[in-house]
mmCIF file of all heavy atoms, coordinates in Angstrom:
data_MODEL
# 
_entry.id   MODEL 
# 
loop_
_atom_site.group_PDB 
_atom_site.id 
_atom_site.type_symbol 
_atom_site.label_atom_id 
_atom_site.label_alt_id 
_atom_site.label_comp_id 
_atom_site.label_asym_id 
_atom_site.label_entity_id 
_atom_site.label_seq_id 
_atom_site.pdbx_PDB_ins_code 
_atom_site.Cartn_x 
_atom_site.Cartn_y 
_atom_site.Cartn_z 
_atom_site.occupancy 
_atom_site.B_iso_or_equiv 
_atom_site.pdbx_formal_charge 
_atom_site.auth_seq_id 
_atom_site.auth_comp_id 
_atom_site.auth_asym_id 
_atom_site.auth_atom_id 
_atom_site.pdbx_PDB_model_num 
ATOM 1   N N   . ILE A 1 1  ? 82.615 34.397 110.785 1.00 0.00 ? 1  ILE A N   1 
ATOM 2   C CA  . ILE A 1 1  ? 82.424 33.099 110.298 1.00 0.00 ? 1  ILE A CA  1 
ATOM 3   C C   . ILE A 1 1  ? 80.917 32.709 110.718 1.00 0.00 ? 1  ILE A C   1 
ATOM 4   O O   . ILE A 1 1  ? 80.588 32.757 111.840 1.00 0.00 ? 1  ILE A O   1 
ATOM 5   C CB  . ILE A 1 1  ? 83.448 32.107 110.978 1.00 0.00 ? 1  ILE A CB  1 
ATOM 6   C CG1 . ILE A 1 1  ? 84.833 32.489 110.518 1.00 0.00 ? 1  ILE A CG1 1 
ATOM 7   C CG2 . ILE A 1 1  ? 83.117 30.639 110.506 1.00 0.00 ? 1  ILE A CG2 1 
ATOM 8   C CD1 . ILE A 1 1  ? 85.855 31.760 111.355 1.00 0.00 ? 1  ILE A CD1 1 
ATOM 9   N N   . ILE A 1 2  ? 80.178 32.204 109.689 1.00 0.00 ? 2  ILE A N   1 
ATOM 10  C CA  . ILE A 1 2  ? 78.780 31.816 109.972 1.00 0.00 ? 2  ILE A CA  1 
ATOM 11  C C   . ILE A 1 2  ? 78.764 30.273 109.854 1.00 0.00 ? 2  ILE A C   1 
ATOM 12  O O   . ILE A 1 2  ? 79.023 29.718 108.719 1.00 0.00 ? 2  ILE A O   1 
ATOM 13  C CB  . ILE A 1 2  ? 77.831 32.510 108.949 1.00 0.00 ? 2  ILE A CB  1 
ATOM 14  C CG1 . ILE A 1 2  ? 77.991 34.023 109.191 1.00 0.00 ? 2  ILE A CG1 1 
ATOM 15  C CG2 . ILE A 1 2  ? 76.433 32.036 109.272 1.00 0.00 ? 2  ILE A CG2 1 
ATOM 16  C CD1 . ILE A 1 2  ? 77.205 34.848 108.081 1.00 0.00 ? 2  ILE A CD1 1 
ATOM 17  N N   . LEU A 1 3  ? 78.271 29.613 110.880 1.00 0.00 ? 3  LEU A N   1 
ATOM 18  C CA  . LEU A 1 3  ? 78.096 28.177 110.778 1.00 0.00 ? 3  LEU A CA  1 
ATOM 19  C C   . LEU A 1 3  ? 76.622 28.014 110.335 1.00 0.00 ? 3  LEU A C   1 
ATOM 20  O O   . LEU A 1 3  ? 75.696 28.383 111.016 1.00 0.00 ? 3  LEU A O   1 
ATOM 21  C CB  . LEU A 1 3  ? 78.313 27.525 112.090 1.00 0.00 ? 3  LEU A CB  1 
ATOM 22  C CG  . LEU A 1 3  ? 79.694 27.417 112.541 1.00 0.00 ? 3  LEU A CG  1 
ATOM 23  C CD1 . LEU A 1 3  ? 79.773 26.822 113.939 1.00 0.00 ? 3  LEU A CD1 1 
ATOM 24  C CD2 . LEU A 1 3  ? 80.516 26.590 111.653 1.00 0.00 ? 3  LEU A CD2 1 
ATOM 25  N N   . ALA A 1 4  ? 76.416 27.345 109.275 1.00 0.00 ? 4  ALA A N   1 
ATOM 26  C CA  . ALA A 1 4  ? 75.065 27.024 108.800 1.00 0.00 ? 4  ALA A CA  1 
ATOM 27  C C   . ALA A 1 4  ? 75.034 25.469 108.480 1.00 0.00 ? 4  ALA A C   1 
ATOM 28  O O   . ALA A 1 4  ? 74.816 25.064 107.379 1.00 0.00 ? 4  ALA A O   1 
ATOM 29  C CB  . ALA A 1 4  ? 74.705 27.704 107.518 1.00 0.00 ? 4  ALA A CB  1 
ATOM 30  N N   . ILE A 1 5  ? 75.249 24.679 109.547 1.00 0.00 ? 5  ILE A N   1 
ATOM 31  C CA  . ILE A 1 5  ? 75.389 23.277 109.377 1.00 0.00 ? 5  ILE A CA  1 
ATOM 32  C C   . ILE A 1 5  ? 74.412 22.569 110.402 1.00 0.00 ? 5  ILE A C   1 
ATOM 33  O O   . ILE A 1 5  ? 73.945 23.280 111.223 1.00 0.00 ? 5  ILE A O   1 
ATOM 34  C CB  . ILE A 1 5  ? 76.850 22.855 109.654 1.00 0.00 ? 5  ILE A CB  1 
ATOM 35  C CG1 . ILE A 1 5  ? 77.279 23.231 111.128 1.00 0.00 ? 5  ILE A CG1 1 
ATOM 36  C CG2 . ILE A 1 5  ? 77.764 23.316 108.524 1.00 0.00 ? 5  ILE A CG2 1 
ATOM 37  C CD1 . ILE A 1 5  ? 78.688 22.704 111.397 1.00 0.00 ? 5  ILE A CD1 1 
ATOM 38  N N   . PRO A 1 6  ? 74.150 21.256 110.248 1.00 0.00 ? 6  PRO A N   1 
ATOM 39  C CA  . PRO A 1 6  ? 73.294 20.579 111.150 1.00 0.00 ? 6  PRO A CA  1 
ATOM 40  C C   . PRO A 1 6  ? 73.859 20.749 112.614 1.00 0.00 ? 6  PRO A C   1 
ATOM 41  O O   . PRO A 1 6  ? 75.109 20.675 112.784 1.00 0.00 ? 6  PRO A O   1 
ATOM 42  C CB  . PRO A 1 6  ? 73.248 19.193 110.713 1.00 0.00 ? 6  PRO A CB  1 
ATOM 43  C CG  . PRO A 1 6  ? 73.576 19.262 109.282 1.00 0.00 ? 6  PRO A CG  1 
ATOM 44  C CD  . PRO A 1 6  ? 74.499 20.474 109.098 1.00 0.00 ? 6  PRO A CD  1 
ATOM 45  N N   . PHE A 1 7  ? 73.041 20.889 113.650 1.00 0.00 ? 7  PHE A N   1 
ATOM 46  C CA  . PHE A 1 7  ? 73.449 21.013 114.958 1.00 0.00 ? 7  PHE A CA  1 
ATOM 47  C C   . PHE A 1 7  ? 74.506 19.891 115.417 1.00 0.00 ? 7  PHE A C   1 
ATOM 48  O O   . PHE A 1 7  ? 75.542 20.226 115.976 1.00 0.00 ? 7  PHE A O   1 
ATOM 49  C CB  . PHE A 1 7  ? 72.211 21.080 115.910 1.00 0.00 ? 7  PHE A CB  1 
ATOM 50  C CG  . PHE A 1 7  ? 72.626 21.222 117.344 1.00 0.00 ? 7  PHE A CG  1 
ATOM 51  C CD1 . PHE A 1 7  ? 73.043 22.452 117.859 1.00 0.00 ? 7  PHE A CD1 1 
ATOM 52  C CD2 . PHE A 1 7  ? 72.548 20.190 118.231 1.00 0.00 ? 7  PHE A CD2 1 
ATOM 53  C CE1 . PHE A 1 7  ? 73.363 22.599 119.238 1.00 0.00 ? 7  PHE A CE1 1 
ATOM 54  C CE2 . PHE A 1 7  ? 72.842 20.310 119.506 1.00 0.00 ? 7  PHE A CE2 1 
ATOM 55  C CZ  . PHE A 1 7  ? 73.307 21.496 119.986 1.00 0.00 ? 7  PHE A CZ  1 
ATOM 56  N N   . GLY A 1 8  ? 74.154 18.732 115.152 1.00 0.00 ? 8  GLY A N   1 
ATOM 57  C CA  . GLY A 1 8  ? 75.054 17.612 115.548 1.00 0.00 ? 8  GLY A CA  1 
ATOM 58  C C   . GLY A 1 8  ? 76.340 17.510 114.840 1.00 0.00 ? 8  GLY A C   1 
ATOM 59  O O   . GLY A 1 8  ? 77.386 16.855 115.334 1.00 0.00 ? 8  GLY A O   1 
ATOM 60  N N   . ALA A 1 9  ? 76.626 18.406 113.773 1.00 0.00 ? 9  ALA A N   1 
ATOM 61  C CA  . ALA A 1 9  ? 77.911 18.311 113.129 1.00 0.00 ? 9  ALA A CA  1 
ATOM 62  C C   . ALA A 1 9  ? 78.887 19.363 113.602 1.00 0.00 ? 9  ALA A C   1 
ATOM 63  O O   . ALA A 1 9  ? 80.026 19.318 113.316 1.00 0.00 ? 9  ALA A O   1 
ATOM 64  C CB  . ALA A 1 9  ? 77.639 18.557 111.605 1.00 0.00 ? 9  ALA A CB  1 
ATOM 65  N N   . ALA A 1 10 ? 78.412 20.298 114.412 1.00 0.00 ? 10 ALA A N   1 
ATOM 66  C CA  . ALA A 1 10 ? 79.268 21.401 114.937 1.00 0.00 ? 10 ALA A CA  1 
ATOM 67  C C   . ALA A 1 10 ? 80.507 20.899 115.722 1.00 0.00 ? 10 ALA A C   1 
ATOM 68  O O   . ALA A 1 10 ? 81.576 21.522 115.492 1.00 0.00 ? 10 ALA A O   1 
ATOM 69  C CB  . ALA A 1 10 ? 78.462 22.362 115.728 1.00 0.00 ? 10 ALA A CB  1 
ATOM 70  N N   . GLY A 1 11 ? 80.433 19.940 116.478 1.00 0.00 ? 11 GLY A N   1 
ATOM 71  C CA  . GLY A 1 11 ? 81.484 19.421 117.275 1.00 0.00 ? 11 GLY A CA  1 
ATOM 72  C C   . GLY A 1 11 ? 82.544 18.858 116.454 1.00 0.00 ? 11 GLY A C   1 
ATOM 73  O O   . GLY A 1 11 ? 83.728 18.869 116.857 1.00 0.00 ? 11 GLY A O   1 
ATOM 74  N N   . GLN A 1 12 ? 82.328 18.477 115.188 1.00 0.00 ? 12 GLN A N   1 
ATOM 75  C CA  . GLN A 1 12 ? 83.301 17.930 114.279 1.00 0.00 ? 12 GLN A CA  1 
ATOM 76  C C   . GLN A 1 12 ? 84.263 19.018 113.791 1.00 0.00 ? 12 GLN A C   1 
ATOM 77  O O   . GLN A 1 12 ? 85.323 18.706 113.202 1.00 0.00 ? 12 GLN A O   1 
ATOM 78  C CB  . GLN A 1 12 ? 82.710 17.238 113.110 1.00 0.00 ? 12 GLN A CB  1 
ATOM 79  C CG  . GLN A 1 12 ? 81.770 16.000 113.557 1.00 0.00 ? 12 GLN A CG  1 
ATOM 80  C CD  . GLN A 1 12 ? 80.963 15.463 112.360 1.00 0.00 ? 12 GLN A CD  1 
ATOM 81  O OE1 . GLN A 1 12 ? 81.020 15.958 111.274 1.00 0.00 ? 12 GLN A OE1 1 
ATOM 82  N NE2 . GLN A 1 12 ? 80.174 14.429 112.679 1.00 0.00 ? 12 GLN A NE2 1 
ATOM 83  N N   . LEU A 1 13 ? 83.892 20.278 113.918 1.00 0.00 ? 13 LEU A N   1 
ATOM 84  C CA  . LEU A 1 13 ? 84.642 21.413 113.418 1.00 0.00 ? 13 LEU A CA  1 
ATOM 85  C C   . LEU A 1 13 ? 85.496 22.038 114.570 1.00 0.00 ? 13 LEU A C   1 
ATOM 86  O O   . LEU A 1 13 ? 86.146 23.038 114.291 1.00 0.00 ? 13 LEU A O   1 
ATOM 87  C CB  . LEU A 1 13 ? 83.719 22.433 112.762 1.00 0.00 ? 13 LEU A CB  1 
ATOM 88  C CG  . LEU A 1 13 ? 82.980 21.954 111.594 1.00 0.00 ? 13 LEU A CG  1 
ATOM 89  C CD1 . LEU A 1 13 ? 82.096 23.028 111.036 1.00 0.00 ? 13 LEU A CD1 1 
ATOM 90  C CD2 . LEU A 1 13 ? 83.872 21.365 110.448 1.00 0.00 ? 13 LEU A CD2 1 
ATOM 91  N N   . ALA A 1 14 ? 85.544 21.522 115.770 1.00 0.00 ? 14 ALA A N   1 
ATOM 92  C CA  . ALA A 1 14 ? 86.245 22.177 116.854 1.00 0.00 ? 14 ALA A CA  1 
ATOM 93  C C   . ALA A 1 14 ? 87.698 22.357 116.442 1.00 0.00 ? 14 ALA A C   1 
ATOM 94  O O   . ALA A 1 14 ? 88.164 23.438 116.776 1.00 0.00 ? 14 ALA A O   1 
ATOM 95  C CB  . ALA A 1 14 ? 86.091 21.259 118.120 1.00 0.00 ? 14 ALA A CB  1 
ATOM 96  N N   . GLY A 1 15 ? 88.340 21.394 115.892 1.00 0.00 ? 15 GLY A N   1 
ATOM 97  C CA  . GLY A 1 15 ? 89.678 21.641 115.567 1.00 0.00 ? 15 GLY A CA  1 
ATOM 98  C C   . GLY A 1 15 ? 89.909 22.738 114.544 1.00 0.00 ? 15 GLY A C   1 
ATOM 99  O O   . GLY A 1 15 ? 91.052 23.382 114.552 1.00 0.00 ? 15 GLY A O   1 
ATOM 100 N N   . LEU A 1 16 ? 88.978 22.906 113.665 1.00 0.00 ? 16 LEU A N   1 
ATOM 101 C CA  . LEU A 1 16 ? 89.138 23.956 112.690 1.00 0.00 ? 16 LEU A CA  1 
ATOM 102 C C   . LEU A 1 16 ? 89.192 25.386 113.296 1.00 0.00 ? 16 LEU A C   1 
ATOM 103 O O   . LEU A 1 16 ? 89.834 26.234 112.852 1.00 0.00 ? 16 LEU A O   1 
ATOM 104 C CB  . LEU A 1 16 ? 87.915 23.828 111.747 1.00 0.00 ? 16 LEU A CB  1 
ATOM 105 C CG  . LEU A 1 16 ? 87.837 24.835 110.526 1.00 0.00 ? 16 LEU A CG  1 
ATOM 106 C CD1 . LEU A 1 16 ? 88.958 24.399 109.570 1.00 0.00 ? 16 LEU A CD1 1 
ATOM 107 C CD2 . LEU A 1 16 ? 86.550 24.637 109.859 1.00 0.00 ? 16 LEU A CD2 1 
ATOM 108 N N   . PHE A 1 17 ? 88.471 25.569 114.484 1.00 0.00 ? 17 PHE A N   1 
ATOM 109 C CA  . PHE A 1 17 ? 88.406 26.812 115.149 1.00 0.00 ? 17 PHE A CA  1 
ATOM 110 C C   . PHE A 1 17 ? 89.587 27.003 116.126 1.00 0.00 ? 17 PHE A C   1 
ATOM 111 O O   . PHE A 1 17 ? 89.626 28.107 116.687 1.00 0.00 ? 17 PHE A O   1 
ATOM 112 C CB  . PHE A 1 17 ? 87.030 26.961 115.787 1.00 0.00 ? 17 PHE A CB  1 
ATOM 113 C CG  . PHE A 1 17 ? 85.961 27.261 114.789 1.00 0.00 ? 17 PHE A CG  1 
ATOM 114 C CD1 . PHE A 1 17 ? 85.317 26.198 114.177 1.00 0.00 ? 17 PHE A CD1 1 
ATOM 115 C CD2 . PHE A 1 17 ? 85.670 28.484 114.413 1.00 0.00 ? 17 PHE A CD2 1 
ATOM 116 C CE1 . PHE A 1 17 ? 84.309 26.440 113.242 1.00 0.00 ? 17 PHE A CE1 1 
ATOM 117 C CE2 . PHE A 1 17 ? 84.716 28.719 113.492 1.00 0.00 ? 17 PHE A CE2 1 
ATOM 118 C CZ  . PHE A 1 17 ? 83.916 27.717 112.936 1.00 0.00 ? 17 PHE A CZ  1 
ATOM 119 N N   . ALA A 1 18 ? 90.414 26.054 116.231 1.00 0.00 ? 18 ALA A N   1 
ATOM 120 C CA  . ALA A 1 18 ? 91.526 26.201 117.235 1.00 0.00 ? 18 ALA A CA  1 
ATOM 121 C C   . ALA A 1 18 ? 92.420 27.388 117.010 1.00 0.00 ? 18 ALA A C   1 
ATOM 122 O O   . ALA A 1 18 ? 92.926 28.070 117.913 1.00 0.00 ? 18 ALA A O   1 
ATOM 123 C CB  . ALA A 1 18 ? 92.356 24.964 117.385 1.00 0.00 ? 18 ALA A CB  1 
ATOM 124 N N   . SER A 1 19 ? 92.564 27.761 115.690 1.00 0.00 ? 19 SER A N   1 
ATOM 125 C CA  . SER A 1 19 ? 93.505 28.892 115.357 1.00 0.00 ? 19 SER A CA  1 
ATOM 126 C C   . SER A 1 19 ? 92.697 30.236 115.050 1.00 0.00 ? 19 SER A C   1 
ATOM 127 O O   . SER A 1 19 ? 93.388 31.222 114.665 1.00 0.00 ? 19 SER A O   1 
ATOM 128 C CB  . SER A 1 19 ? 94.348 28.577 114.171 1.00 0.00 ? 19 SER A CB  1 
ATOM 129 O OG  . SER A 1 19 ? 93.490 28.330 113.063 1.00 0.00 ? 19 SER A OG  1 
ATOM 130 N N   . VAL A 1 20 ? 91.438 30.243 115.279 1.00 0.00 ? 20 VAL A N   1 
ATOM 131 C CA  . VAL A 1 20 ? 90.622 31.405 114.950 1.00 0.00 ? 20 VAL A CA  1 
ATOM 132 C C   . VAL A 1 20 ? 90.969 32.549 116.031 1.00 0.00 ? 20 VAL A C   1 
ATOM 133 O O   . VAL A 1 20 ? 90.793 32.199 117.225 1.00 0.00 ? 20 VAL A O   1 
ATOM 134 C CB  . VAL A 1 20 ? 89.193 31.088 114.837 1.00 0.00 ? 20 VAL A CB  1 
ATOM 135 C CG1 . VAL A 1 20 ? 88.328 32.391 114.706 1.00 0.00 ? 20 VAL A CG1 1 
ATOM 136 C CG2 . VAL A 1 20 ? 88.881 30.157 113.710 1.00 0.00 ? 20 VAL A CG2 1 
ATOM 137 N N   . PRO A 1 21 ? 91.308 33.700 115.661 1.00 0.00 ? 21 PRO A N   1 
ATOM 138 C CA  . PRO A 1 21 ? 91.576 34.776 116.708 1.00 0.00 ? 21 PRO A CA  1 
ATOM 139 C C   . PRO A 1 21 ? 90.239 35.082 117.482 1.00 0.00 ? 21 PRO A C   1 
ATOM 140 O O   . PRO A 1 21 ? 89.121 34.954 116.988 1.00 0.00 ? 21 PRO A O   1 
ATOM 141 C CB  . PRO A 1 21 ? 91.913 36.026 115.814 1.00 0.00 ? 21 PRO A CB  1 
ATOM 142 C CG  . PRO A 1 21 ? 92.320 35.459 114.562 1.00 0.00 ? 21 PRO A CG  1 
ATOM 143 C CD  . PRO A 1 21 ? 91.572 34.127 114.331 1.00 0.00 ? 21 PRO A CD  1 
ATOM 144 N N   . ALA A 1 22 ? 90.461 35.468 118.723 1.00 0.00 ? 22 ALA A N   1 
ATOM 145 C CA  . ALA A 1 22 ? 89.371 35.769 119.648 1.00 0.00 ? 22 ALA A CA  1 
ATOM 146 C C   . ALA A 1 22 ? 88.480 36.844 119.130 1.00 0.00 ? 22 ALA A C   1 
ATOM 147 O O   . ALA A 1 22 ? 87.248 36.861 119.579 1.00 0.00 ? 22 ALA A O   1 
ATOM 148 C CB  . ALA A 1 22 ? 89.895 36.150 120.978 1.00 0.00 ? 22 ALA A CB  1 
ATOM 149 N N   . GLU A 1 23 ? 88.934 37.845 118.403 1.00 0.00 ? 23 GLU A N   1 
ATOM 150 C CA  . GLU A 1 23 ? 88.120 38.941 117.867 1.00 0.00 ? 23 GLU A CA  1 
ATOM 151 C C   . GLU A 1 23 ? 87.289 38.538 116.658 1.00 0.00 ? 23 GLU A C   1 
ATOM 152 O O   . GLU A 1 23 ? 86.435 39.234 116.197 1.00 0.00 ? 23 GLU A O   1 
ATOM 153 C CB  . GLU A 1 23 ? 89.006 40.125 117.561 1.00 0.00 ? 23 GLU A CB  1 
ATOM 154 C CG  . GLU A 1 23 ? 90.028 39.951 116.401 1.00 0.00 ? 23 GLU A CG  1 
ATOM 155 C CD  . GLU A 1 23 ? 91.292 39.419 116.887 1.00 0.00 ? 23 GLU A CD  1 
ATOM 156 O OE1 . GLU A 1 23 ? 91.518 39.074 118.090 1.00 0.00 ? 23 GLU A OE1 1 
ATOM 157 O OE2 . GLU A 1 23 ? 92.226 39.302 116.010 1.00 0.00 ? 23 GLU A OE2 1 
ATOM 158 N N   . THR A 1 24 ? 87.491 37.304 116.099 1.00 0.00 ? 24 THR A N   1 
ATOM 159 C CA  . THR A 1 24 ? 86.622 36.812 115.021 1.00 0.00 ? 24 THR A CA  1 
ATOM 160 C C   . THR A 1 24 ? 85.183 36.548 115.465 1.00 0.00 ? 24 THR A C   1 
ATOM 161 O O   . THR A 1 24 ? 85.049 35.837 116.531 1.00 0.00 ? 24 THR A O   1 
ATOM 162 C CB  . THR A 1 24 ? 87.196 35.573 114.319 1.00 0.00 ? 24 THR A CB  1 
ATOM 163 O OG1 . THR A 1 24 ? 88.471 35.929 113.887 1.00 0.00 ? 24 THR A OG1 1 
ATOM 164 C CG2 . THR A 1 24 ? 86.368 35.178 113.179 1.00 0.00 ? 24 THR A CG2 1 
ATOM 165 N N   . VAL A 1 25 ? 84.234 37.068 114.863 1.00 0.00 ? 25 VAL A N   1 
ATOM 166 C CA  . VAL A 1 25 ? 82.797 36.889 115.261 1.00 0.00 ? 25 VAL A CA  1 
ATOM 167 C C   . VAL A 1 25 ? 82.353 35.562 114.636 1.00 0.00 ? 25 VAL A C   1 
ATOM 168 O O   . VAL A 1 25 ? 82.552 35.363 113.441 1.00 0.00 ? 25 VAL A O   1 
ATOM 169 C CB  . VAL A 1 25 ? 81.899 38.037 114.814 1.00 0.00 ? 25 VAL A CB  1 
ATOM 170 C CG1 . VAL A 1 25 ? 80.398 37.740 115.088 1.00 0.00 ? 25 VAL A CG1 1 
ATOM 171 C CG2 . VAL A 1 25 ? 82.313 39.379 115.378 1.00 0.00 ? 25 VAL A CG2 1 
# 
């Protein structure tokens, strides 16, 4: 998963990553 968003917006996606497996880069 590549994040290509403004730095300040990254925190808004925290819930989205809650179910991402640890081995996902």
